[in-house]
C-alpha atoms as a PDB file:
ATOM      1  CA  MET A   1       0.051   0.019   0.285  1.00  0.00           C
ATOM      2  CA  ASN A   2       1.500   3.427  -1.019  1.00  0.00           C
ATOM      3  CA  ASP A   3       1.674   6.386   0.732  1.00  0.00           C
ATOM      4  CA  THR A   4      -1.302   8.185   0.153  1.00  0.00           C
ATOM      5  CA  LEU A   5      -3.485   5.845   0.009  1.00  0.00           C
ATOM      6  CA  LEU A   6      -1.896   5.035   3.923  1.00  0.00           C
ATOM      7  CA  LEU A   7      -2.647   8.377   4.684  1.00  0.00           C
ATOM      8  CA  MET A   8      -6.212   8.737   2.913  1.00  0.00           C
ATOM      9  CA  LEU A   9      -6.667   5.887   5.363  1.00  0.00           C
ATOM     10  CA  GLY A  10      -5.314   7.538   8.627  1.00  0.00           C
ATOM     11  CA  VAL A  11      -7.616  10.499   7.791  1.00  0.00           C
ATOM     12  CA  LEU A  12     -10.766   8.431   7.278  1.00  0.00           C
ATOM     13  CA  LEU A  13      -9.790   6.216  10.755  1.00  0.00           C
ATOM     14  CA  SER A  14      -9.446   9.826  12.538  1.00  0.00           C
ATOM     15  CA  LEU A  15     -12.451  10.985  10.814  1.00  0.00           C
ATOM     16  CA  GLY A  16     -14.162   7.412  12.226  1.00  0.00           C
ATOM     17  CA  CYS A  17     -12.977   8.472  15.400  1.00  0.00           C
ATOM     18  CA  ALA A  18     -14.472  11.571  15.856  1.00  0.00           C
ATOM     19  CA  VAL A  19     -17.683  10.472  14.199  1.00  0.00           C
ATOM     20  CA  THR A  20     -18.242   7.790  16.565  1.00  0.00           C
ATOM     21  CA  ALA A  21     -17.107   9.358  19.558  1.00  0.00           C
ATOM     22  CA  HIS A  22     -19.121  12.132  18.788  1.00  0.00           C
ATOM     23  CA  PHE A  23     -22.855   9.397  18.998  1.00  0.00           C
ATOM     24  CA  PHE A  24     -20.704   7.503  21.730  1.00  0.00           C
ATOM     25  CA  LEU A  25     -21.139  10.532  24.082  1.00  0.00           C
ATOM     26  CA  ARG A  26     -24.780  11.280  23.056  1.00  0.00           C
ATOM     27  CA  ALA A  27     -25.718   7.823  23.653  1.00  0.00           C
ATOM     28  CA  GLY A  28     -23.969   8.340  27.442  1.00  0.00           C
ATOM     29  CA  TRP A  29     -26.003  11.509  27.928  1.00  0.00           C
ATOM     30  CA  ARG A  30     -29.335   9.467  27.171  1.00  0.00           C
ATOM     31  CA  GLU A  31     -28.359   6.792  29.819  1.00  0.00           C
ATOM     32  CA  ASP A  32     -28.265   4.237  26.855  1.00  0.00           C
ATOM     33  CA  TYR A  33     -24.853   2.304  28.111  1.00  0.00           C
ATOM     34  CA  ARG A  34     -24.538  -0.512  26.311  1.00  0.00           C
ATOM     35  CA  ARG A  35     -25.132   1.542  23.064  1.00  0.00           C
ATOM     36  CA  ALA A  36     -22.023   3.819  24.545  1.00  0.00           C
ATOM     37  CA  LEU A  37     -20.030   0.930  25.741  1.00  0.00           C
ATOM     38  CA  LEU A  38     -20.203  -0.347  21.613  1.00  0.00           C
ATOM     39  CA  LEU A  39     -19.153   2.962  20.230  1.00  0.00           C
ATOM     40  CA  LYS A  40     -16.601   4.015  22.444  1.00  0.00           C
ATOM     41  CA  GLY A  41     -14.907   0.479  21.408  1.00  0.00           C
ATOM     42  CA  THR A  42     -15.099   1.411  17.870  1.00  0.00           C
ATOM     43  CA  ALA A  43     -13.759   5.033  18.630  1.00  0.00           C
ATOM     44  CA  SER A  44     -10.815   3.543  20.445  1.00  0.00           C
ATOM     45  CA  MET A  45     -10.262   0.737  18.035  1.00  0.00           C
ATOM     46  CA  CYS A  46     -10.019   3.772  15.411  1.00  0.00           C
ATOM     47  CA  PHE A  47      -7.458   5.051  16.737  1.00  0.00           C
ATOM     48  CA  VAL A  48      -5.698   1.698  17.122  1.00  0.00           C
ATOM     49  CA  LEU A  49      -5.690   0.657  13.850  1.00  0.00           C
ATOM     50  CA  LEU A  50      -4.291   4.439  13.041  1.00  0.00           C
ATOM     51  CA  GLY A  51      -1.783   3.772  15.174  1.00  0.00           C
ATOM     52  CA  ALA A  52      -1.493   0.514  13.265  1.00  0.00           C
ATOM     53  CA  VAL A  53      -1.329   2.262   9.707  1.00  0.00           C
ATOM     54  CA  ASN A  54       1.180   4.601  10.888  1.00  0.00           C
ATOM     55  CA  ARG A  55       3.448   2.072  12.054  1.00  0.00           C
ATOM     56  CA  ARG A  56       3.853   1.063   8.875  1.00  0.00           C
ATOM     57  CA  LEU A  57       6.043   4.113   8.191  1.00  0.00           C
ATOM     58  CA  CYS A  58       7.548   4.568  11.377  1.00  0.00           C
ATOM     59  CA  PRO A  59      11.729   4.375  11.048  1.00  0.00           C
ATOM     60  CA  ASP A  60      12.236   3.220  14.052  1.00  0.00           C
ATOM     61  CA  GLY A  61      10.117  -0.673  14.978  1.00  0.00           C
ATOM     62  CA  LEU A  62      10.713  -0.885  18.781  1.00  0.00           C
ATOM     63  CA  PHE A  63       9.131   2.657  19.349  1.00  0.00           C
ATOM     64  CA  GLY A  64       6.311   1.901  17.081  1.00  0.00           C
ATOM     65  CA  LEU A  65       5.427  -1.478  18.623  1.00  0.00           C
ATOM     66  CA  ILE A  66       5.697  -0.238  22.458  1.00  0.00           C
ATOM     67  CA  ILE A  67       3.151   2.966  21.074  1.00  0.00           C
ATOM     68  CA  GLN A  68       0.938   0.259  19.777  1.00  0.00           C
ATOM     69  CA  MET A  69       0.736  -1.607  22.689  1.00  0.00           C
ATOM     70  CA  GLY A  70      -0.086   1.485  24.748  1.00  0.00           C
ATOM     71  CA  LEU A  71      -2.884   2.317  21.844  1.00  0.00           C
ATOM     72  CA  CYS A  72      -4.528  -1.108  22.332  1.00  0.00           C
ATOM     73  CA  LEU A  73      -4.127  -0.050  26.385  1.00  0.00           C
ATOM     74  CA  GLY A  74      -6.131   2.657  25.533  1.00  0.00           C
ATOM     75  CA  PHE A  75      -9.094   0.797  23.468  1.00  0.00           C
ATOM     76  CA  LEU A  76      -8.887  -1.383  27.313  1.00  0.00           C
ATOM     77  CA  GLY A  77      -9.201   1.023  29.524  1.00  0.00           C
ATOM     78  CA  ASP A  78     -11.684   2.711  27.797  1.00  0.00           C
ATOM     79  CA  GLU A  79     -13.733  -0.442  27.907  1.00  0.00           C
ATOM     80  CA  LEU A  80     -13.508  -0.955  31.875  1.00  0.00           C
ATOM     81  CA  LEU A  81     -14.421   2.902  32.315  1.00  0.00           C
ATOM     82  CA  ALA A  82     -17.140   2.715  30.339  1.00  0.00           C
ATOM     83  CA  MET A  83     -18.690  -1.119  32.282  1.00  0.00           C
ATOM     84  CA  ARG A  84     -18.505   0.941  35.447  1.00  0.00           C
ATOM     85  CA  TYR A  85     -21.858   2.206  34.108  1.00  0.00           C
ATOM     86  CA  ILE A  86     -23.416  -0.970  32.784  1.00  0.00           C
ATOM     87  CA  LYS A  87     -22.524  -2.273  36.289  1.00  0.00           C
ATOM     88  CA  PRO A  88     -22.691   0.580  38.943  1.00  0.00           C
ATOM     89  CA  GLU A  89     -22.636  -1.731  41.618  1.00  0.00           C
ATOM     90  CA  ARG A  90     -18.825  -2.363  40.529  1.00  0.00           C
ATOM     91  CA  HIS A  91     -17.931   0.991  39.746  1.00  0.00           C
ATOM     92  CA  ASP A  92     -15.123   1.772  41.714  1.00  0.00           C
ATOM     93  CA  ALA A  93     -13.562  -1.376  40.855  1.00  0.00           C
ATOM     94  CA  PHE A  94     -13.880  -0.991  37.218  1.00  0.00           C
ATOM     95  CA  PHE A  95     -13.090   2.453  37.827  1.00  0.00           C
ATOM     96  CA  SER A  96      -9.435   1.734  39.277  1.00  0.00           C
ATOM     97  CA  GLN A  97      -9.017  -1.199  36.796  1.00  0.00           C
ATOM     98  CA  GLY A  98      -9.630   1.010  33.692  1.00  0.00           C
ATOM     99  CA  ALA A  99      -6.998   3.592  35.356  1.00  0.00           C
ATOM    100  CA  ALA A 100      -4.841   1.098  36.155  1.00  0.00           C
ATOM    101  CA  VAL A 101      -4.752  -0.031  32.622  1.00  0.00           C
ATOM    102  CA  PHE A 102      -4.160   3.077  31.111  1.00  0.00           C
ATOM    103  CA  ALA A 103      -0.975   3.834  34.020  1.00  0.00           C
ATOM    104  CA  LEU A 104       0.284   0.795  32.221  1.00  0.00           C
ATOM    105  CA  GLY A 105      -0.194   2.352  28.466  1.00  0.00           C
ATOM    106  CA  HIS A 106       1.231   5.927  30.030  1.00  0.00           C
ATOM    107  CA  LEU A 107       4.076   3.538  31.591  1.00  0.00           C
ATOM    108  CA  LEU A 108       4.438   2.309  27.657  1.00  0.00           C
ATOM    109  CA  TYR A 109       4.565   5.844  26.237  1.00  0.00           C
ATOM    110  CA  ILE A 110       7.112   7.425  28.937  1.00  0.00           C
ATOM    111  CA  THR A 111       9.483   4.257  28.147  1.00  0.00           C
ATOM    112  CA  ALA A 112       9.388   4.436  24.418  1.00  0.00           C
ATOM    113  CA  LEU A 113      10.010   8.151  24.472  1.00  0.00           C
ATOM    114  CA  PHE A 114      12.960   7.203  26.865  1.00  0.00           C
ATOM    115  CA  LEU A 115      14.680   4.746  24.528  1.00  0.00           C
ATOM    116  CA  GLN A 116      14.458   7.295  21.477  1.00  0.00           C
ATOM    117  CA  ASP A 117      16.567   9.643  24.191  1.00  0.00           C
ATOM    118  CA  ARG A 118      17.859   8.924  27.242  1.00  0.00           C
ATOM    119  CA  GLY A 119      19.053  12.396  28.390  1.00  0.00           C
ATOM    120  CA  LEU A 120      14.793  13.861  28.680  1.00  0.00           C
ATOM    121  CA  LEU A 121      14.708  13.591  32.892  1.00  0.00           C
ATOM    122  CA  PRO A 122      16.533  17.013  33.740  1.00  0.00           C
ATOM    123  CA  LEU A 123      14.736  18.812  30.913  1.00  0.00           C
ATOM    124  CA  SER A 124      11.512  16.998  31.965  1.00  0.00           C
ATOM    125  CA  LEU A 125      11.377  17.676  35.820  1.00  0.00           C
ATOM    126  CA  PRO A 126      10.971  21.720  35.248  1.00  0.00           C
ATOM    127  CA  VAL A 127       7.959  20.514  33.219  1.00  0.00           C
ATOM    128  CA  LEU A 128       6.573  18.181  35.632  1.00  0.00           C
ATOM    129  CA  VAL A 129       6.962  20.760  38.521  1.00  0.00           C
ATOM    130  CA  LEU A 130       4.392  23.113  36.999  1.00  0.00           C
ATOM    131  CA  GLY A 131       2.361  20.828  35.815  1.00  0.00           C
ATOM    132  CA  ILE A 132       2.037  19.243  38.825  1.00  0.00           C
ATOM    133  CA  GLY A 133       1.094  22.824  40.505  1.00  0.00           C
ATOM    134  CA  ALA A 134      -1.545  23.719  38.119  1.00  0.00           C
ATOM    135  CA  SER A 135      -2.989  20.374  38.541  1.00  0.00           C
ATOM    136  CA  TRP A 136      -3.034  20.684  42.201  1.00  0.00           C
ATOM    137  CA  LEU A 137      -4.633  24.347  41.312  1.00  0.00           C
ATOM    138  CA  TYR A 138      -7.147  22.920  39.609  1.00  0.00           C
ATOM    139  CA  GLN A 139      -8.632  19.557  41.742  1.00  0.00           C
ATOM    140  CA  ARG A 140      -8.360  22.253  44.743  1.00  0.00           C
ATOM    141  CA  ALA A 141     -10.372  24.976  42.914  1.00  0.00           C
ATOM    142  CA  LYS A 142     -13.255  22.051  41.632  1.00  0.00           C
ATOM    143  CA  LYS A 143     -13.383  20.780  45.482  1.00  0.00           C
ATOM    144  CA  THR A 144     -12.214  16.968  44.149  1.00  0.00           C
ATOM    145  CA  ASP A 145     -12.227  14.612  46.761  1.00  0.00           C
ATOM    146  CA  ALA A 146     -12.384  10.828  45.194  1.00  0.00           C
ATOM    147  CA  ALA A 147     -12.208   9.523  48.943  1.00  0.00           C
ATOM    148  CA  LYS A 148     -10.859   6.018  49.129  1.00  0.00           C
ATOM    149  CA  LEU A 149      -9.626   6.947  45.186  1.00  0.00           C
ATOM    150  CA  GLN A 150      -8.207  10.016  46.544  1.00  0.00           C
ATOM    151  CA  LEU A 151      -4.304   8.439  46.857  1.00  0.00           C
ATOM    152  CA  PRO A 152      -4.773   6.265  43.393  1.00  0.00           C
ATOM    153  CA  ALA A 153      -5.974   9.149  41.358  1.00  0.00           C
ATOM    154  CA  THR A 154      -3.437  11.825  42.304  1.00  0.00           C
ATOM    155  CA  LEU A 155      -0.217   8.813  41.486  1.00  0.00           C
ATOM    156  CA  TYR A 156      -2.181   8.712  38.413  1.00  0.00           C
ATOM    157  CA  ILE A 157      -2.164  12.519  37.550  1.00  0.00           C
ATOM    158  CA  ALA A 158       1.454  12.445  38.187  1.00  0.00           C
ATOM    159  CA  LEU A 159       2.233   9.899  36.136  1.00  0.00           C
ATOM    160  CA  VAL A 160       0.290  11.490  33.567  1.00  0.00           C
ATOM    161  CA  VAL A 161       1.963  14.836  33.508  1.00  0.00           C
ATOM    162  CA  PHE A 162       5.283  13.491  33.759  1.00  0.00           C
ATOM    163  CA  MET A 163       4.364  11.404  30.581  1.00  0.00           C
ATOM    164  CA  ALA A 164       3.573  15.325  28.786  1.00  0.00           C
ATOM    165  CA  SER A 165       6.701  16.377  30.595  1.00  0.00           C
ATOM    166  CA  VAL A 166       9.218  13.943  29.126  1.00  0.00           C
ATOM    167  CA  ALA A 167       7.348  14.290  25.669  1.00  0.00           C
ATOM    168  CA  CYS A 168       7.595  17.922  25.968  1.00  0.00           C
ATOM    169  CA  ALA A 169      11.298  17.373  26.644  1.00  0.00           C
ATOM    170  CA  ALA A 170      11.988  14.943  23.657  1.00  0.00           C
ATOM    171  CA  ALA A 171      10.168  17.617  21.366  1.00  0.00           C
ATOM    172  CA  VAL A 172      12.839  20.271  22.393  1.00  0.00           C
ATOM    173  CA  ARG A 173      15.514  17.786  22.297  1.00  0.00           C
ATOM    174  CA  GLY A 174      14.797  16.062  19.176  1.00  0.00           C
ATOM    175  CA  PHE A 175      12.585  18.581  16.978  1.00  0.00           C
ATOM    176  CA  SER A 176      10.378  16.547  14.538  1.00  0.00           C
ATOM    177  CA  VAL A 177       7.027  16.790  13.461  1.00  0.00           C
ATOM    178  CA  GLY A 178       6.384  13.430  15.234  1.00  0.00           C
ATOM    179  CA  LEU A 179       7.528  14.604  18.362  1.00  0.00           C
ATOM    180  CA  LEU A 180       5.867  17.398  18.491  1.00  0.00           C
ATOM    181  CA  LEU A 181       2.856  15.829  17.893  1.00  0.00           C
ATOM    182  CA  PHE A 182       3.642  13.226  20.983  1.00  0.00           C
ATOM    183  CA  ALA A 183       4.023  16.628  23.047  1.00  0.00           C
ATOM    184  CA  ALA A 184       0.623  18.124  21.884  1.00  0.00           C
ATOM    185  CA  GLY A 185      -1.079  14.573  22.624  1.00  0.00           C
ATOM    186  CA  GLY A 186       0.722  14.029  25.891  1.00  0.00           C
ATOM    187  CA  ILE A 187      -0.234  18.019  26.892  1.00  0.00           C
ATOM    188  CA  CYS A 188      -3.903  16.617  25.729  1.00  0.00           C
ATOM    189  CA  PHE A 189      -3.954  13.824  28.249  1.00  0.00           C
ATOM    190  CA  ALA A 190      -3.103  15.748  31.014  1.00  0.00           C
ATOM    191  CA  ILE A 191      -5.785  18.361  30.526  1.00  0.00           C
ATOM    192  CA  SER A 192      -8.777  15.112  29.603  1.00  0.00           C
ATOM    193  CA  ASP A 193      -7.699  12.846  33.113  1.00  0.00           C
ATOM    194  CA  ASN A 194      -7.677  16.578  35.436  1.00  0.00           C
ATOM    195  CA  LEU A 195     -11.042  17.794  33.806  1.00  0.00           C
ATOM    196  CA  LEU A 196     -11.633  14.076  34.023  1.00  0.00           C
ATOM    197  CA  CYS A 197     -11.161  13.893  37.921  1.00  0.00           C
ATOM    198  CA  ALA A 198     -13.005  16.995  38.329  1.00  0.00           C
ATOM    199  CA  TYR A 199     -15.950  16.331  36.422  1.00  0.00           C
ATOM    200  CA  CYS A 200     -15.855  12.571  38.492  1.00  0.00           C
ATOM    201  CA  PHE A 201     -15.249  13.753  42.076  1.00  0.00           C
ATOM    202  CA  GLY A 202     -15.648  17.084  42.088  1.00  0.00           C
ATOM    203  CA  THR A 203     -17.739  20.069  40.751  1.00  0.00           C
ATOM    204  CA  ALA A 204     -17.136  20.318  37.821  1.00  0.00           C
ATOM    205  CA  ARG A 205     -20.130  18.123  36.217  1.00  0.00           C
ATOM    206  CA  SER A 206     -21.446  19.472  33.112  1.00  0.00           C
ATOM    207  CA  ARG A 207     -22.163  18.445  29.458  1.00  0.00           C
ATOM    208  CA  ALA A 208     -19.351  20.710  28.525  1.00  0.00           C
ATOM    209  CA  VAL A 209     -16.946  19.236  31.019  1.00  0.00           C
ATOM    210  CA  ASP A 210     -17.979  15.717  30.042  1.00  0.00           C
ATOM    211  CA  ARG A 211     -17.222  17.098  26.197  1.00  0.00           C
ATOM    212  CA  ALA A 212     -14.014  18.471  26.975  1.00  0.00           C
ATOM    213  CA  VAL A 213     -12.768  15.334  28.891  1.00  0.00           C
ATOM    214  CA  HIS A 214     -13.554  13.470  25.773  1.00  0.00           C
ATOM    215  CA  ILE A 215     -12.484  16.330  22.882  1.00  0.00           C
ATOM    216  CA  THR A 216      -8.847  16.029  24.904  1.00  0.00           C
ATOM    217  CA  TYR A 217      -8.860  12.174  25.263  1.00  0.00           C
ATOM    218  CA  TYR A 218      -9.316  11.550  21.488  1.00  0.00           C
ATOM    219  CA  ALA A 219      -7.045  13.907  20.011  1.00  0.00           C
ATOM    220  CA  ALA A 220      -4.540  12.320  22.381  1.00  0.00           C
ATOM    221  CA  GLN A 221      -4.698   9.206  21.121  1.00  0.00           C
ATOM    222  CA  LEU A 222      -4.802  10.338  17.489  1.00  0.00           C
ATOM    223  CA  LEU A 223      -1.855  12.914  17.942  1.00  0.00           C
ATOM    224  CA  ILE A 224       0.173  10.264  19.580  1.00  0.00           C
ATOM    225  CA  ALA A 225      -0.772   7.710  16.685  1.00  0.00           C
ATOM    226  CA  TRP A 226      -0.113  10.351  13.881  1.00  0.00           C
ATOM    227  CA  SER A 227       3.343  10.904  15.448  1.00  0.00           C
ATOM    228  CA  LEU A 228       4.652   7.274  14.434  1.00  0.00           C
ATOM    229  CA  ARG A 229       4.110   8.657  10.692  1.00  0.00           C
ATOM    230  CA  PHE A 230       5.923  11.950  11.373  1.00  0.00           C
ATOM    231  CA  LEU A 231       9.421  10.659  13.177  1.00  0.00           C
END
């Protein structure tokens, strides 16, 4: 398959992700949670397939493989999070399991970036401090209280911000379109998960915030999937 066809396929998968994510949100707002589960899985499969398409053009095979694994974990995490609405009696368990799967995905993203450049840590630390500070201020403003999940949620946010900071450091040190896309994806992830915590456990409960959570989340996964093409 030539480059033009791969590009067109990638664009179609990105559009498919956006469209199915839109209908997933609508199904969730109507409390049609089984339909939402199916649509959410379809949207997530779009970014998984986008990663597979762009991985064919990735010059670093190991980097591409690790990122593909992270995208697959994103699909699994999405489905676990969606299950908490179908089985509300296990809400906290599904939320914790989904967060754990996403955490593994972020660790894979971090690993891939460090394999590209082992000197990222010093430059990433100032960004990490700023990101954690901003997250703390936002969660405090939104009165976020996850009760028994507070410590895991805090550690998870710190991990996501660390992934974003490492991605930003990688974009500065090894400037390329692919790393810039990855950094943008990391920032979108940090924004999305901060919004999600405030939405689930704080005062930021509105459809506008829910929409923002998912727009930034799918943007994050799509940007990371597209980064493979432009490294």
